[in-house]
N, C-alpha and C. Protein backbone atom coordinates (compact mmCIF):
# COMPACT_ATOMS: atom_id res chain seq x y z
N MET A 1 5.41 1.93 -15.01
CA MET A 1 4.36 1.07 -14.49
C MET A 1 4.63 0.81 -13.00
N ALA A 2 3.69 1.15 -12.16
CA ALA A 2 3.85 1.01 -10.71
C ALA A 2 3.53 -0.40 -10.22
N THR A 3 2.81 -1.19 -11.00
CA THR A 3 2.42 -2.53 -10.55
C THR A 3 2.92 -3.58 -11.53
N PRO A 4 4.19 -3.97 -11.41
CA PRO A 4 4.77 -4.92 -12.36
C PRO A 4 4.34 -6.37 -12.15
N PHE A 5 3.68 -6.66 -11.03
CA PHE A 5 3.31 -8.04 -10.75
C PHE A 5 1.80 -8.22 -10.88
N PRO A 6 1.39 -9.29 -11.55
CA PRO A 6 -0.05 -9.51 -11.72
C PRO A 6 -0.72 -9.88 -10.39
N THR A 7 -1.99 -9.57 -10.31
CA THR A 7 -2.80 -9.92 -9.15
C THR A 7 -4.25 -10.12 -9.60
N ARG A 8 -4.97 -10.87 -8.82
CA ARG A 8 -6.39 -11.08 -9.09
C ARG A 8 -7.26 -10.07 -8.34
N ILE A 9 -6.63 -9.14 -7.63
CA ILE A 9 -7.39 -8.07 -6.98
C ILE A 9 -8.06 -7.26 -8.07
N ASP A 10 -9.36 -7.03 -7.91
CA ASP A 10 -10.18 -6.50 -9.01
C ASP A 10 -10.17 -4.98 -9.16
N ILE A 11 -9.16 -4.32 -8.68
CA ILE A 11 -9.01 -2.88 -8.92
C ILE A 11 -8.31 -2.73 -10.26
N PRO A 12 -8.89 -1.95 -11.18
CA PRO A 12 -8.25 -1.80 -12.50
C PRO A 12 -6.79 -1.35 -12.39
N ALA A 13 -5.97 -1.84 -13.30
CA ALA A 13 -4.51 -1.61 -13.26
C ALA A 13 -4.15 -0.14 -13.18
N ASP A 14 -4.84 0.72 -13.94
CA ASP A 14 -4.49 2.14 -13.92
C ASP A 14 -4.73 2.75 -12.54
N ARG A 15 -5.80 2.32 -11.88
CA ARG A 15 -6.06 2.82 -10.53
C ARG A 15 -5.13 2.19 -9.51
N ARG A 16 -4.80 0.91 -9.70
CA ARG A 16 -3.84 0.25 -8.82
C ARG A 16 -2.48 0.95 -8.88
N ASP A 17 -2.06 1.35 -10.08
CA ASP A 17 -0.80 2.09 -10.22
C ASP A 17 -0.80 3.35 -9.34
N LYS A 18 -1.93 4.05 -9.34
CA LYS A 18 -2.03 5.28 -8.55
C LYS A 18 -2.05 4.98 -7.05
N VAL A 19 -2.72 3.90 -6.67
CA VAL A 19 -2.75 3.51 -5.26
C VAL A 19 -1.35 3.08 -4.81
N VAL A 20 -0.65 2.32 -5.65
CA VAL A 20 0.71 1.90 -5.32
C VAL A 20 1.62 3.11 -5.15
N ALA A 21 1.49 4.10 -6.01
CA ALA A 21 2.29 5.32 -5.87
C ALA A 21 1.95 6.03 -4.55
N LEU A 22 0.67 6.09 -4.23
CA LEU A 22 0.24 6.70 -2.97
C LEU A 22 0.80 5.93 -1.77
N LEU A 23 0.72 4.62 -1.82
CA LEU A 23 1.26 3.79 -0.75
C LEU A 23 2.77 3.97 -0.62
N ASN A 24 3.48 4.03 -1.74
CA ASN A 24 4.93 4.22 -1.68
C ASN A 24 5.29 5.57 -1.06
N GLN A 25 4.50 6.61 -1.35
CA GLN A 25 4.77 7.90 -0.73
C GLN A 25 4.57 7.82 0.78
N GLN A 26 3.47 7.20 1.19
CA GLN A 26 3.21 7.06 2.63
C GLN A 26 4.24 6.15 3.29
N LEU A 27 4.72 5.15 2.55
CA LEU A 27 5.76 4.27 3.07
C LEU A 27 7.03 5.07 3.36
N ALA A 28 7.43 5.91 2.42
CA ALA A 28 8.63 6.74 2.62
C ALA A 28 8.46 7.66 3.83
N ASP A 29 7.32 8.31 3.91
CA ASP A 29 7.08 9.24 5.01
C ASP A 29 7.03 8.51 6.36
N THR A 30 6.38 7.36 6.38
CA THR A 30 6.21 6.62 7.63
C THR A 30 7.53 6.01 8.08
N PHE A 31 8.31 5.50 7.13
CA PHE A 31 9.63 4.95 7.48
C PHE A 31 10.54 6.06 7.99
N ASP A 32 10.45 7.24 7.40
CA ASP A 32 11.24 8.37 7.89
C ASP A 32 10.81 8.76 9.30
N LEU A 33 9.49 8.78 9.55
CA LEU A 33 9.02 9.09 10.90
C LEU A 33 9.56 8.06 11.89
N TYR A 34 9.58 6.80 11.50
CA TYR A 34 10.15 5.77 12.36
C TYR A 34 11.61 6.11 12.70
N SER A 35 12.40 6.41 11.69
CA SER A 35 13.83 6.67 11.93
C SER A 35 14.03 7.92 12.79
N GLN A 36 13.21 8.92 12.58
CA GLN A 36 13.35 10.14 13.38
C GLN A 36 12.90 9.92 14.82
N THR A 37 11.91 9.06 15.02
CA THR A 37 11.48 8.74 16.37
C THR A 37 12.56 7.95 17.10
N LYS A 38 13.23 7.04 16.39
CA LYS A 38 14.35 6.32 16.99
C LYS A 38 15.50 7.29 17.30
N PHE A 39 15.73 8.26 16.42
CA PHE A 39 16.75 9.28 16.67
C PHE A 39 16.45 10.00 17.99
N ALA A 40 15.17 10.37 18.18
CA ALA A 40 14.77 11.03 19.42
C ALA A 40 15.00 10.10 20.61
N HIS A 41 14.66 8.86 20.45
CA HIS A 41 14.84 7.85 21.51
C HIS A 41 16.31 7.77 21.94
N TRP A 42 17.19 7.75 20.96
CA TRP A 42 18.62 7.60 21.25
C TRP A 42 19.25 8.87 21.84
N ASN A 43 18.74 10.03 21.46
CA ASN A 43 19.45 11.27 21.74
C ASN A 43 18.80 12.23 22.72
N VAL A 44 17.62 11.92 23.24
CA VAL A 44 16.97 12.82 24.18
C VAL A 44 17.78 12.92 25.47
N LYS A 45 17.81 14.10 26.06
CA LYS A 45 18.55 14.37 27.30
C LYS A 45 17.64 15.14 28.25
N GLY A 46 18.00 15.11 29.52
CA GLY A 46 17.29 15.93 30.49
C GLY A 46 16.67 15.13 31.61
N PRO A 47 15.98 15.85 32.51
CA PRO A 47 15.45 15.22 33.72
C PRO A 47 14.35 14.17 33.46
N HIS A 48 13.74 14.21 32.30
CA HIS A 48 12.68 13.24 31.97
C HIS A 48 13.21 12.17 31.02
N PHE A 49 14.52 12.00 30.99
CA PHE A 49 15.15 11.12 30.02
C PHE A 49 14.50 9.74 29.95
N ILE A 50 14.43 9.03 31.04
CA ILE A 50 14.01 7.63 30.97
C ILE A 50 12.57 7.50 30.49
N ALA A 51 11.69 8.37 30.94
CA ALA A 51 10.29 8.32 30.50
C ALA A 51 10.19 8.61 29.01
N LEU A 52 10.91 9.62 28.54
CA LEU A 52 10.85 9.97 27.12
C LEU A 52 11.56 8.92 26.28
N HIS A 53 12.68 8.42 26.76
CA HIS A 53 13.41 7.36 26.06
C HIS A 53 12.49 6.16 25.81
N LYS A 54 11.75 5.75 26.83
CA LYS A 54 10.82 4.63 26.70
C LYS A 54 9.63 4.98 25.80
N LEU A 55 9.09 6.18 25.97
CA LEU A 55 7.96 6.61 25.14
C LEU A 55 8.34 6.60 23.66
N PHE A 56 9.47 7.20 23.32
CA PHE A 56 9.88 7.25 21.91
C PHE A 56 10.11 5.85 21.35
N ASP A 57 10.63 4.95 22.17
CA ASP A 57 10.84 3.58 21.70
C ASP A 57 9.51 2.89 21.41
N GLU A 58 8.53 3.07 22.29
CA GLU A 58 7.20 2.49 22.07
C GLU A 58 6.54 3.08 20.83
N LEU A 59 6.65 4.38 20.67
CA LEU A 59 6.05 5.03 19.49
C LEU A 59 6.71 4.53 18.22
N ALA A 60 8.04 4.40 18.25
CA ALA A 60 8.76 3.92 17.07
C ALA A 60 8.32 2.50 16.72
N ASP A 61 8.15 1.64 17.72
CA ASP A 61 7.69 0.28 17.46
C ASP A 61 6.33 0.28 16.77
N ASP A 62 5.43 1.14 17.23
CA ASP A 62 4.10 1.22 16.61
C ASP A 62 4.18 1.72 15.17
N VAL A 63 5.02 2.71 14.94
CA VAL A 63 5.19 3.23 13.58
C VAL A 63 5.78 2.15 12.67
N LEU A 64 6.73 1.38 13.18
CA LEU A 64 7.33 0.33 12.37
C LEU A 64 6.30 -0.72 11.96
N GLU A 65 5.35 -1.04 12.83
CA GLU A 65 4.26 -1.95 12.45
C GLU A 65 3.48 -1.38 11.27
N ASN A 66 3.24 -0.08 11.29
CA ASN A 66 2.52 0.56 10.18
C ASN A 66 3.34 0.55 8.90
N VAL A 67 4.64 0.71 9.01
CA VAL A 67 5.52 0.61 7.84
C VAL A 67 5.31 -0.75 7.17
N ASP A 68 5.31 -1.79 7.96
CA ASP A 68 5.14 -3.14 7.43
C ASP A 68 3.78 -3.33 6.79
N GLU A 69 2.74 -2.82 7.42
CA GLU A 69 1.38 -2.94 6.87
C GLU A 69 1.27 -2.22 5.52
N ILE A 70 1.85 -1.04 5.43
CA ILE A 70 1.81 -0.28 4.17
C ILE A 70 2.55 -1.05 3.08
N ALA A 71 3.74 -1.55 3.39
CA ALA A 71 4.54 -2.28 2.40
C ALA A 71 3.82 -3.54 1.94
N GLU A 72 3.19 -4.25 2.87
CA GLU A 72 2.50 -5.47 2.48
C GLU A 72 1.26 -5.20 1.63
N ARG A 73 0.55 -4.13 1.92
CA ARG A 73 -0.61 -3.76 1.08
C ARG A 73 -0.13 -3.41 -0.33
N LEU A 74 0.92 -2.66 -0.39
CA LEU A 74 1.50 -2.23 -1.66
C LEU A 74 1.89 -3.43 -2.52
N THR A 75 2.55 -4.40 -1.92
CA THR A 75 2.97 -5.57 -2.69
C THR A 75 1.79 -6.47 -3.02
N ALA A 76 0.78 -6.51 -2.17
CA ALA A 76 -0.42 -7.29 -2.48
C ALA A 76 -1.11 -6.74 -3.74
N LEU A 77 -0.98 -5.45 -3.97
CA LEU A 77 -1.57 -4.82 -5.15
C LEU A 77 -0.70 -4.98 -6.40
N GLY A 78 0.41 -5.69 -6.26
CA GLY A 78 1.28 -5.94 -7.41
C GLY A 78 2.42 -4.97 -7.55
N GLY A 79 2.59 -4.10 -6.58
CA GLY A 79 3.66 -3.11 -6.65
C GLY A 79 4.92 -3.57 -5.97
N VAL A 80 5.94 -2.73 -6.04
CA VAL A 80 7.21 -2.96 -5.37
C VAL A 80 7.33 -1.91 -4.27
N ALA A 81 7.56 -2.36 -3.05
CA ALA A 81 7.70 -1.45 -1.91
C ALA A 81 9.09 -0.81 -1.95
N ASN A 82 9.13 0.49 -2.18
CA ASN A 82 10.39 1.23 -2.18
C ASN A 82 10.71 1.59 -0.73
N GLY A 83 11.26 0.62 0.00
CA GLY A 83 11.38 0.78 1.43
C GLY A 83 12.77 0.72 2.01
N THR A 84 13.79 0.97 1.22
CA THR A 84 15.12 1.05 1.83
C THR A 84 15.25 2.42 2.49
N ALA A 85 16.22 2.54 3.38
CA ALA A 85 16.45 3.83 4.03
C ALA A 85 16.76 4.91 3.00
N ARG A 86 17.54 4.58 1.98
CA ARG A 86 17.89 5.57 0.96
C ARG A 86 16.67 5.95 0.12
N GLN A 87 15.85 4.97 -0.21
CA GLN A 87 14.64 5.28 -0.98
C GLN A 87 13.71 6.17 -0.17
N ALA A 88 13.54 5.84 1.11
CA ALA A 88 12.69 6.67 1.96
C ALA A 88 13.24 8.08 2.09
N ALA A 89 14.54 8.20 2.29
CA ALA A 89 15.16 9.52 2.44
C ALA A 89 14.98 10.36 1.18
N ALA A 90 15.04 9.72 0.02
CA ALA A 90 14.91 10.46 -1.23
C ALA A 90 13.47 10.92 -1.48
N ALA A 91 12.49 10.21 -0.91
CA ALA A 91 11.09 10.49 -1.23
C ALA A 91 10.30 11.16 -0.10
N THR A 92 10.81 11.17 1.12
CA THR A 92 10.02 11.63 2.25
C THR A 92 9.65 13.11 2.16
N ARG A 93 8.49 13.40 2.71
CA ARG A 93 8.03 14.78 2.85
C ARG A 93 8.13 15.24 4.30
N VAL A 94 8.52 14.35 5.19
CA VAL A 94 8.64 14.69 6.61
C VAL A 94 9.89 15.55 6.79
N PRO A 95 9.76 16.70 7.44
CA PRO A 95 10.94 17.56 7.62
C PRO A 95 12.01 16.85 8.45
N GLU A 96 13.26 17.16 8.16
CA GLU A 96 14.39 16.59 8.89
C GLU A 96 14.34 17.04 10.35
N PHE A 97 14.77 16.17 11.22
CA PHE A 97 14.81 16.48 12.65
C PHE A 97 15.76 17.66 12.86
N PRO A 98 15.35 18.64 13.66
CA PRO A 98 16.18 19.83 13.83
C PRO A 98 17.53 19.51 14.51
N VAL A 99 18.59 19.93 13.87
CA VAL A 99 19.94 19.71 14.38
C VAL A 99 20.09 20.38 15.75
N GLY A 100 20.75 19.69 16.66
CA GLY A 100 21.03 20.26 17.97
C GLY A 100 19.87 20.21 18.94
N THR A 101 18.80 19.50 18.60
CA THR A 101 17.64 19.40 19.48
C THR A 101 17.77 18.13 20.31
N HIS A 102 18.04 18.32 21.61
CA HIS A 102 18.26 17.18 22.50
C HIS A 102 17.53 17.31 23.84
N LYS A 103 17.16 18.53 24.22
CA LYS A 103 16.49 18.75 25.50
C LYS A 103 15.08 18.17 25.44
N GLY A 104 14.72 17.47 26.51
CA GLY A 104 13.48 16.73 26.60
C GLY A 104 12.27 17.29 25.88
N MET A 105 11.75 18.42 26.34
CA MET A 105 10.50 18.93 25.77
C MET A 105 10.68 19.51 24.36
N GLU A 106 11.89 19.95 24.03
CA GLU A 106 12.15 20.38 22.66
C GLU A 106 12.11 19.17 21.72
N VAL A 107 12.61 18.05 22.18
CA VAL A 107 12.54 16.82 21.39
C VAL A 107 11.10 16.37 21.25
N VAL A 108 10.35 16.43 22.35
CA VAL A 108 8.92 16.05 22.29
C VAL A 108 8.21 16.91 21.26
N ALA A 109 8.45 18.21 21.27
CA ALA A 109 7.78 19.11 20.32
C ALA A 109 8.17 18.78 18.88
N ALA A 110 9.44 18.49 18.66
CA ALA A 110 9.89 18.16 17.30
C ALA A 110 9.24 16.85 16.83
N VAL A 111 9.19 15.86 17.70
CA VAL A 111 8.56 14.59 17.33
C VAL A 111 7.05 14.80 17.10
N ALA A 112 6.42 15.58 17.97
CA ALA A 112 4.98 15.87 17.82
C ALA A 112 4.70 16.55 16.48
N ASP A 113 5.54 17.48 16.09
CA ASP A 113 5.37 18.16 14.80
C ASP A 113 5.36 17.14 13.66
N ARG A 114 6.26 16.18 13.74
CA ARG A 114 6.38 15.18 12.67
C ARG A 114 5.22 14.19 12.68
N PHE A 115 4.76 13.79 13.86
CA PHE A 115 3.58 12.93 13.93
C PHE A 115 2.36 13.67 13.41
N GLY A 116 2.25 14.95 13.75
CA GLY A 116 1.12 15.75 13.26
C GLY A 116 1.14 15.88 11.74
N ALA A 117 2.31 16.12 11.18
CA ALA A 117 2.42 16.25 9.72
C ALA A 117 2.05 14.94 9.02
N LEU A 118 2.53 13.81 9.55
CA LEU A 118 2.18 12.54 8.93
C LEU A 118 0.70 12.23 9.11
N GLY A 119 0.14 12.62 10.25
CA GLY A 119 -1.30 12.44 10.44
C GLY A 119 -2.10 13.18 9.39
N THR A 120 -1.70 14.41 9.08
CA THR A 120 -2.38 15.20 8.05
C THR A 120 -2.28 14.53 6.69
N SER A 121 -1.08 14.11 6.30
CA SER A 121 -0.93 13.48 4.98
C SER A 121 -1.62 12.12 4.92
N THR A 122 -1.71 11.45 6.05
CA THR A 122 -2.40 10.15 6.07
C THR A 122 -3.90 10.35 5.89
N ARG A 123 -4.47 11.38 6.51
CA ARG A 123 -5.89 11.66 6.28
C ARG A 123 -6.15 12.03 4.82
N GLU A 124 -5.24 12.75 4.22
CA GLU A 124 -5.36 13.06 2.78
C GLU A 124 -5.28 11.77 1.97
N ALA A 125 -4.42 10.85 2.38
CA ALA A 125 -4.28 9.57 1.67
C ALA A 125 -5.54 8.73 1.78
N ILE A 126 -6.24 8.82 2.91
CA ILE A 126 -7.52 8.11 3.07
C ILE A 126 -8.46 8.55 1.95
N ASP A 127 -8.60 9.85 1.79
CA ASP A 127 -9.51 10.39 0.77
C ASP A 127 -9.07 10.01 -0.64
N ARG A 128 -7.77 10.05 -0.89
CA ARG A 128 -7.27 9.70 -2.24
C ARG A 128 -7.51 8.22 -2.55
N ALA A 129 -7.25 7.35 -1.58
CA ALA A 129 -7.47 5.92 -1.80
C ALA A 129 -8.95 5.64 -2.02
N ASP A 130 -9.79 6.31 -1.25
CA ASP A 130 -11.24 6.14 -1.41
C ASP A 130 -11.68 6.61 -2.79
N ALA A 131 -11.16 7.75 -3.24
CA ALA A 131 -11.52 8.28 -4.56
C ALA A 131 -11.06 7.36 -5.68
N LEU A 132 -10.00 6.59 -5.43
CA LEU A 132 -9.50 5.63 -6.43
C LEU A 132 -10.23 4.29 -6.35
N GLY A 133 -11.20 4.19 -5.45
CA GLY A 133 -12.02 2.99 -5.35
C GLY A 133 -11.37 1.87 -4.56
N ASP A 134 -10.37 2.19 -3.72
CA ASP A 134 -9.70 1.17 -2.93
C ASP A 134 -10.06 1.38 -1.46
N LYS A 135 -11.18 0.82 -1.08
CA LYS A 135 -11.67 0.94 0.30
C LYS A 135 -10.72 0.27 1.30
N ASP A 136 -10.06 -0.80 0.87
CA ASP A 136 -9.15 -1.50 1.78
C ASP A 136 -7.94 -0.65 2.14
N THR A 137 -7.36 0.02 1.15
CA THR A 137 -6.23 0.90 1.43
C THR A 137 -6.70 2.11 2.24
N ALA A 138 -7.89 2.63 1.94
CA ALA A 138 -8.44 3.72 2.74
C ALA A 138 -8.62 3.28 4.19
N ASP A 139 -9.07 2.04 4.38
CA ASP A 139 -9.24 1.51 5.73
C ASP A 139 -7.89 1.35 6.43
N LEU A 140 -6.89 0.87 5.71
CA LEU A 140 -5.54 0.76 6.27
C LEU A 140 -5.07 2.13 6.76
N PHE A 141 -5.21 3.13 5.90
CA PHE A 141 -4.78 4.48 6.27
C PHE A 141 -5.61 5.02 7.44
N THR A 142 -6.88 4.65 7.53
CA THR A 142 -7.72 5.09 8.65
C THR A 142 -7.17 4.56 9.97
N GLY A 143 -6.79 3.29 9.99
CA GLY A 143 -6.19 2.72 11.19
C GLY A 143 -4.89 3.39 11.55
N ILE A 144 -4.07 3.66 10.55
CA ILE A 144 -2.79 4.34 10.79
C ILE A 144 -3.04 5.75 11.31
N SER A 145 -4.03 6.42 10.77
CA SER A 145 -4.38 7.76 11.24
C SER A 145 -4.75 7.74 12.72
N ARG A 146 -5.53 6.75 13.12
CA ARG A 146 -5.89 6.63 14.54
C ARG A 146 -4.64 6.41 15.40
N ASP A 147 -3.73 5.56 14.92
CA ASP A 147 -2.49 5.31 15.66
C ASP A 147 -1.68 6.60 15.80
N LEU A 148 -1.57 7.35 14.72
CA LEU A 148 -0.81 8.60 14.76
C LEU A 148 -1.45 9.62 15.69
N ASP A 149 -2.79 9.70 15.66
CA ASP A 149 -3.48 10.63 16.55
C ASP A 149 -3.29 10.25 18.02
N GLN A 150 -3.31 8.95 18.32
CA GLN A 150 -3.09 8.53 19.70
C GLN A 150 -1.66 8.87 20.14
N ALA A 151 -0.69 8.62 19.27
CA ALA A 151 0.69 8.96 19.59
C ALA A 151 0.83 10.46 19.81
N LEU A 152 0.19 11.23 18.97
CA LEU A 152 0.24 12.69 19.11
C LEU A 152 -0.37 13.12 20.44
N TYR A 153 -1.44 12.47 20.85
CA TYR A 153 -2.03 12.74 22.16
C TYR A 153 -1.01 12.50 23.28
N PHE A 154 -0.30 11.38 23.22
CA PHE A 154 0.71 11.07 24.23
C PHE A 154 1.81 12.12 24.23
N LEU A 155 2.24 12.54 23.06
CA LEU A 155 3.30 13.55 22.96
C LEU A 155 2.82 14.91 23.47
N GLU A 156 1.66 15.31 23.01
CA GLU A 156 1.16 16.64 23.39
C GLU A 156 0.85 16.72 24.89
N ALA A 157 0.50 15.60 25.51
CA ALA A 157 0.24 15.62 26.96
C ALA A 157 1.49 16.07 27.73
N HIS A 158 2.66 15.75 27.21
CA HIS A 158 3.90 16.18 27.85
C HIS A 158 4.11 17.69 27.68
N LEU A 159 3.59 18.24 26.62
CA LEU A 159 3.82 19.66 26.32
C LEU A 159 2.87 20.59 27.05
N HIS A 160 1.82 20.03 27.65
CA HIS A 160 0.82 20.86 28.35
C HIS A 160 1.04 20.91 29.85
N GLY A 161 2.17 20.39 30.29
CA GLY A 161 2.40 20.35 31.74
C GLY A 161 3.36 21.39 32.23
């Protein structure tokens, strides 16, 4: 049972269970993206260090806000947010950051790949939440999708120069 806590939210329990599972998957992926973006922030090297260091930190902060929004929606639906680092690591679909990648634009490309992948799965989650009759979760994912697309725009702008 994905929703062990009662709620007066009028989405039937069987559909809420599916939405909670969807939210937990996105929570794992989004938390992993946060940690990988912080990894990039800490480890980037090269002539554009300070600009990229600051950019990755800002992007990570934005992703962390989305982590919190996902977890709070999940718990509002009566579920338990599986949001520890170990839980996220066990469930994430985001590829691991490539070992030995530290040069500025290589790091930007690796981070961009991960933002792009999460953007794709988030758009899929919008459709799944909508199909389950949860417009609010679909709306949450729509906002997150916009945030991810904007971040991807910032990242890709560095790669086109």
